[in-house]
Amino acid sequence: MGLTLQLIVLFLFLPALSSGQVYNFEHFDQDQLKANFFYDFDQNSHGELYIASSKGLIKYNGHTFEIYNSLDSLYDDFVNEVFIDDSDRIWIGYYKGGLSLWEQNKQIKTISDNIYVSDIYKNKKGEVQILSDDDLYGYKEGKLIPIETYES
């Protein structure tokens, strides 16, 4: 067999011998997820997934779901934004307005009850910024501070 023919055969069968990455999908039913609607999610440094939902903040540790709501010190049950910063602090925005901060091993603290959070993110400097319907805020010394210029 000529070299050209050997190369053609090799390239035709080589993909069949190689294996790609295998993805495992697991289906969860409504009873496990504890809510009907989901709006945002983020993952902390331990691999735990936090999901913003119409019934509260859902934590998934890879095995079980746990739901946090107003009985657990959330300002409201309807969570539409969740962001986890580099210190694993969980920022929580509410559909009806409000912003909370949950630091590890501490109580959930309401930062504001009159801000409508559109997005929570980290800028290039590593600072958490909160985008509301009418302004952009930073967080310093336990207070929301309006920001004059936008930094992505």
C-alpha atoms as a PDB file:
ATOM      1  CA  MET A   1       0.000   0.000   0.000  1.00  0.00           C
ATOM      2  CA  GLY A   2       1.333   3.392  -0.934  1.00  0.00           C
ATOM      3  CA  LEU A   3       2.168   6.035   1.654  1.00  0.00           C
ATOM      4  CA  THR A   4      -0.681   8.266   0.473  1.00  0.00           C
ATOM      5  CA  LEU A   5      -3.219   5.479   0.868  1.00  0.00           C
ATOM      6  CA  GLN A   6      -1.858   4.621   4.338  1.00  0.00           C
ATOM      7  CA  LEU A   7      -2.188   8.257   5.430  1.00  0.00           C
ATOM      8  CA  ILE A   8      -5.750   8.458   4.119  1.00  0.00           C
ATOM      9  CA  VAL A   9      -6.726   5.280   6.017  1.00  0.00           C
ATOM     10  CA  LEU A  10      -4.979   6.564   9.157  1.00  0.00           C
ATOM     11  CA  PHE A  11      -6.817   9.906   9.067  1.00  0.00           C
ATOM     12  CA  LEU A  12     -10.158   8.217   8.380  1.00  0.00           C
ATOM     13  CA  PHE A  13      -9.941   5.875  11.375  1.00  0.00           C
ATOM     14  CA  LEU A  14      -7.983   8.060  13.806  1.00  0.00           C
ATOM     15  CA  PRO A  15     -11.079   9.949  15.056  1.00  0.00           C
ATOM     16  CA  ALA A  16     -12.766   6.636  15.904  1.00  0.00           C
ATOM     17  CA  LEU A  17      -9.805   5.673  18.109  1.00  0.00           C
ATOM     18  CA  SER A  18      -9.678   8.940  20.013  1.00  0.00           C
ATOM     19  CA  SER A  19     -12.154   9.754  22.749  1.00  0.00           C
ATOM     20  CA  GLY A  20     -13.529  13.151  23.613  1.00  0.00           C
ATOM     21  CA  GLN A  21     -14.677  14.555  26.902  1.00  0.00           C
ATOM     22  CA  VAL A  22     -17.710  12.814  28.322  1.00  0.00           C
ATOM     23  CA  TYR A  23     -20.432  14.983  29.849  1.00  0.00           C
ATOM     24  CA  ASN A  24     -22.794  13.578  32.430  1.00  0.00           C
ATOM     25  CA  PHE A  25     -26.202  15.167  32.720  1.00  0.00           C
ATOM     26  CA  GLU A  26     -28.492  14.523  35.631  1.00  0.00           C
ATOM     27  CA  HIS A  27     -32.201  15.295  35.487  1.00  0.00           C
ATOM     28  CA  PHE A  28     -33.827  16.850  38.553  1.00  0.00           C
ATOM     29  CA  ASP A  29     -37.545  17.069  39.082  1.00  0.00           C
ATOM     30  CA  GLN A  30     -39.474  20.012  40.509  1.00  0.00           C
ATOM     31  CA  ASP A  31     -39.677  18.452  43.981  1.00  0.00           C
ATOM     32  CA  GLN A  32     -35.883  18.266  44.209  1.00  0.00           C
ATOM     33  CA  LEU A  33     -35.333  21.804  42.909  1.00  0.00           C
ATOM     34  CA  LYS A  34     -38.007  23.276  45.195  1.00  0.00           C
ATOM     35  CA  ALA A  35     -38.987  26.052  42.728  1.00  0.00           C
ATOM     36  CA  ASN A  36     -40.559  26.608  39.322  1.00  0.00           C
ATOM     37  CA  PHE A  37     -38.491  29.523  38.009  1.00  0.00           C
ATOM     38  CA  PHE A  38     -34.748  30.241  38.115  1.00  0.00           C
ATOM     39  CA  TYR A  39     -33.158  33.601  37.335  1.00  0.00           C
ATOM     40  CA  ASP A  40     -29.431  33.478  38.051  1.00  0.00           C
ATOM     41  CA  PHE A  41     -26.725  31.219  39.456  1.00  0.00           C
ATOM     42  CA  ASP A  42     -23.128  31.319  40.651  1.00  0.00           C
ATOM     43  CA  GLN A  43     -20.615  28.883  42.122  1.00  0.00           C
ATOM     44  CA  ASN A  44     -18.346  29.376  45.138  1.00  0.00           C
ATOM     45  CA  SER A  45     -14.748  28.190  45.549  1.00  0.00           C
ATOM     46  CA  HIS A  46     -15.953  24.932  47.176  1.00  0.00           C
ATOM     47  CA  GLY A  47     -17.978  23.998  44.079  1.00  0.00           C
ATOM     48  CA  GLU A  48     -21.362  24.702  45.654  1.00  0.00           C
ATOM     49  CA  LEU A  49     -23.925  26.147  43.257  1.00  0.00           C
ATOM     50  CA  TYR A  50     -26.267  28.932  44.393  1.00  0.00           C
ATOM     51  CA  ILE A  51     -29.423  29.471  42.349  1.00  0.00           C
ATOM     52  CA  ALA A  52     -31.703  32.541  42.448  1.00  0.00           C
ATOM     53  CA  SER A  53     -35.309  31.382  42.291  1.00  0.00           C
ATOM     54  CA  SER A  54     -38.897  32.428  42.845  1.00  0.00           C
ATOM     55  CA  LYS A  55     -38.898  30.505  46.158  1.00  0.00           C
ATOM     56  CA  GLY A  56     -35.607  31.784  47.614  1.00  0.00           C
ATOM     57  CA  LEU A  57     -31.911  31.037  47.258  1.00  0.00           C
ATOM     58  CA  ILE A  58     -31.176  27.391  46.475  1.00  0.00           C
ATOM     59  CA  LYS A  59     -27.823  25.808  47.366  1.00  0.00           C
ATOM     60  CA  TYR A  60     -26.710  22.647  45.568  1.00  0.00           C
ATOM     61  CA  ASN A  61     -23.640  20.888  46.957  1.00  0.00           C
ATOM     62  CA  GLY A  62     -23.461  18.221  44.252  1.00  0.00           C
ATOM     63  CA  HIS A  63     -25.725  15.830  46.137  1.00  0.00           C
ATOM     64  CA  THR A  64     -28.606  17.680  47.777  1.00  0.00           C
ATOM     65  CA  PHE A  65     -30.552  20.914  47.430  1.00  0.00           C
ATOM     66  CA  GLU A  66     -31.121  23.280  50.339  1.00  0.00           C
ATOM     67  CA  ILE A  67     -33.394  26.306  50.096  1.00  0.00           C
ATOM     68  CA  TYR A  68     -32.969  29.571  51.991  1.00  0.00           C
ATOM     69  CA  ASN A  69     -35.878  32.002  52.251  1.00  0.00           C
ATOM     70  CA  SER A  70     -37.286  34.737  54.489  1.00  0.00           C
ATOM     71  CA  LEU A  71     -37.419  32.266  57.394  1.00  0.00           C
ATOM     72  CA  ASP A  72     -33.612  32.099  57.101  1.00  0.00           C
ATOM     73  CA  SER A  73     -33.149  35.910  57.163  1.00  0.00           C
ATOM     74  CA  LEU A  74     -33.456  36.577  53.433  1.00  0.00           C
ATOM     75  CA  TYR A  75     -35.122  39.946  52.887  1.00  0.00           C
ATOM     76  CA  ASP A  76     -37.643  38.367  50.480  1.00  0.00           C
ATOM     77  CA  ASP A  77     -38.313  34.931  48.993  1.00  0.00           C
ATOM     78  CA  PHE A  78     -38.156  36.063  45.345  1.00  0.00           C
ATOM     79  CA  VAL A  79     -34.439  36.190  44.480  1.00  0.00           C
ATOM     80  CA  ASN A  80     -33.489  37.357  40.977  1.00  0.00           C
ATOM     81  CA  GLU A  81     -29.716  37.977  41.283  1.00  0.00           C
ATOM     82  CA  VAL A  82     -26.905  36.086  42.989  1.00  0.00           C
ATOM     83  CA  PHE A  83     -23.180  36.830  42.813  1.00  0.00           C
ATOM     84  CA  ILE A  84     -20.321  35.236  44.746  1.00  0.00           C
ATOM     85  CA  ASP A  85     -17.198  37.363  45.089  1.00  0.00           C
ATOM     86  CA  ASP A  86     -13.566  36.273  45.536  1.00  0.00           C
ATOM     87  CA  SER A  87     -14.043  36.072  49.326  1.00  0.00           C
ATOM     88  CA  ASP A  88     -17.017  33.694  48.850  1.00  0.00           C
ATOM     89  CA  ARG A  89     -19.425  36.366  50.071  1.00  0.00           C
ATOM     90  CA  ILE A  90     -22.851  35.869  48.513  1.00  0.00           C
ATOM     91  CA  TRP A  91     -24.588  38.984  47.160  1.00  0.00           C
ATOM     92  CA  ILE A  92     -28.345  38.563  46.797  1.00  0.00           C
ATOM     93  CA  GLY A  93     -30.688  40.838  44.798  1.00  0.00           C
ATOM     94  CA  TYR A  94     -34.458  40.624  45.112  1.00  0.00           C
ATOM     95  CA  TYR A  95     -37.122  40.963  42.434  1.00  0.00           C
ATOM     96  CA  LYS A  96     -39.263  43.306  44.553  1.00  0.00           C
ATOM     97  CA  GLY A  97     -36.222  45.387  45.505  1.00  0.00           C
ATOM     98  CA  GLY A  98     -33.486  44.929  48.051  1.00  0.00           C
ATOM     99  CA  LEU A  99     -29.914  43.725  48.397  1.00  0.00           C
ATOM    100  CA  SER A 100     -28.408  41.366  50.972  1.00  0.00           C
ATOM    101  CA  LEU A 101     -24.907  40.161  51.746  1.00  0.00           C
ATOM    102  CA  TRP A 102     -24.163  36.750  53.228  1.00  0.00           C
ATOM    103  CA  GLU A 103     -20.647  36.313  54.521  1.00  0.00           C
ATOM    104  CA  GLN A 104     -19.362  32.867  55.475  1.00  0.00           C
ATOM    105  CA  ASN A 105     -20.468  31.700  58.905  1.00  0.00           C
ATOM    106  CA  LYS A 106     -22.461  34.883  59.516  1.00  0.00           C
ATOM    107  CA  GLN A 107     -26.087  35.972  59.351  1.00  0.00           C
ATOM    108  CA  ILE A 108     -27.541  37.284  56.107  1.00  0.00           C
ATOM    109  CA  LYS A 109     -27.398  41.083  56.290  1.00  0.00           C
ATOM    110  CA  THR A 110     -29.774  43.380  54.381  1.00  0.00           C
ATOM    111  CA  ILE A 111     -27.734  46.157  52.753  1.00  0.00           C
ATOM    112  CA  SER A 112     -30.651  48.014  51.188  1.00  0.00           C
ATOM    113  CA  ASP A 113     -34.396  47.534  50.975  1.00  0.00           C
ATOM    114  CA  ASN A 114     -35.054  50.146  48.265  1.00  0.00           C
ATOM    115  CA  ILE A 115     -32.683  49.266  45.421  1.00  0.00           C
ATOM    116  CA  TYR A 116     -33.852  47.260  42.387  1.00  0.00           C
ATOM    117  CA  VAL A 117     -30.814  45.173  41.440  1.00  0.00           C
ATOM    118  CA  SER A 118     -30.313  44.492  37.723  1.00  0.00           C
ATOM    119  CA  ASP A 119     -26.852  42.939  37.961  1.00  0.00           C
ATOM    120  CA  ILE A 120     -24.011  42.311  40.401  1.00  0.00           C
ATOM    121  CA  TYR A 121     -20.489  41.844  39.047  1.00  0.00           C
ATOM    122  CA  LYS A 122     -16.780  42.369  39.678  1.00  0.00           C
ATOM    123  CA  ASN A 123     -14.971  45.153  37.798  1.00  0.00           C
ATOM    124  CA  LYS A 124     -11.372  44.991  36.501  1.00  0.00           C
ATOM    125  CA  LYS A 125     -10.038  46.146  39.872  1.00  0.00           C
ATOM    126  CA  GLY A 126     -11.791  43.261  41.618  1.00  0.00           C
ATOM    127  CA  GLU A 127     -14.406  45.466  43.277  1.00  0.00           C
ATOM    128  CA  VAL A 128     -18.020  44.354  43.501  1.00  0.00           C
ATOM    129  CA  GLN A 129     -20.410  46.696  41.715  1.00  0.00           C
ATOM    130  CA  ILE A 130     -24.189  46.684  41.843  1.00  0.00           C
ATOM    131  CA  LEU A 131     -26.183  47.903  38.864  1.00  0.00           C
ATOM    132  CA  SER A 132     -29.681  49.074  39.693  1.00  0.00           C
ATOM    133  CA  ASP A 133     -32.490  50.433  37.547  1.00  0.00           C
ATOM    134  CA  ASP A 134     -31.302  53.983  38.138  1.00  0.00           C
ATOM    135  CA  ASP A 135     -27.652  53.946  39.277  1.00  0.00           C
ATOM    136  CA  LEU A 136     -24.384  52.065  39.707  1.00  0.00           C
ATOM    137  CA  TYR A 137     -23.093  51.375  43.229  1.00  0.00           C
ATOM    138  CA  GLY A 138     -19.960  50.184  44.949  1.00  0.00           C
ATOM    139  CA  TYR A 139     -19.786  48.786  48.454  1.00  0.00           C
ATOM    140  CA  LYS A 140     -17.405  50.258  51.014  1.00  0.00           C
ATOM    141  CA  GLU A 141     -17.413  50.013  54.801  1.00  0.00           C
ATOM    142  CA  GLY A 142     -20.874  48.478  54.933  1.00  0.00           C
ATOM    143  CA  LYS A 143     -22.543  51.068  52.703  1.00  0.00           C
ATOM    144  CA  LEU A 144     -23.626  51.396  49.079  1.00  0.00           C
ATOM    145  CA  ILE A 145     -21.789  54.258  47.393  1.00  0.00           C
ATOM    146  CA  PRO A 146     -23.017  55.677  44.040  1.00  0.00           C
ATOM    147  CA  ILE A 147     -20.328  55.431  41.350  1.00  0.00           C
ATOM    148  CA  GLU A 148     -19.888  58.259  38.856  1.00  0.00           C
ATOM    149  CA  THR A 149     -18.153  56.293  36.075  1.00  0.00           C
ATOM    150  CA  TYR A 150     -18.779  52.806  34.804  1.00  0.00           C
ATOM    151  CA  GLU A 151     -15.880  50.331  35.008  1.00  0.00           C
ATOM    152  CA  SER A 152     -16.347  46.886  33.500  1.00  0.00           C
END
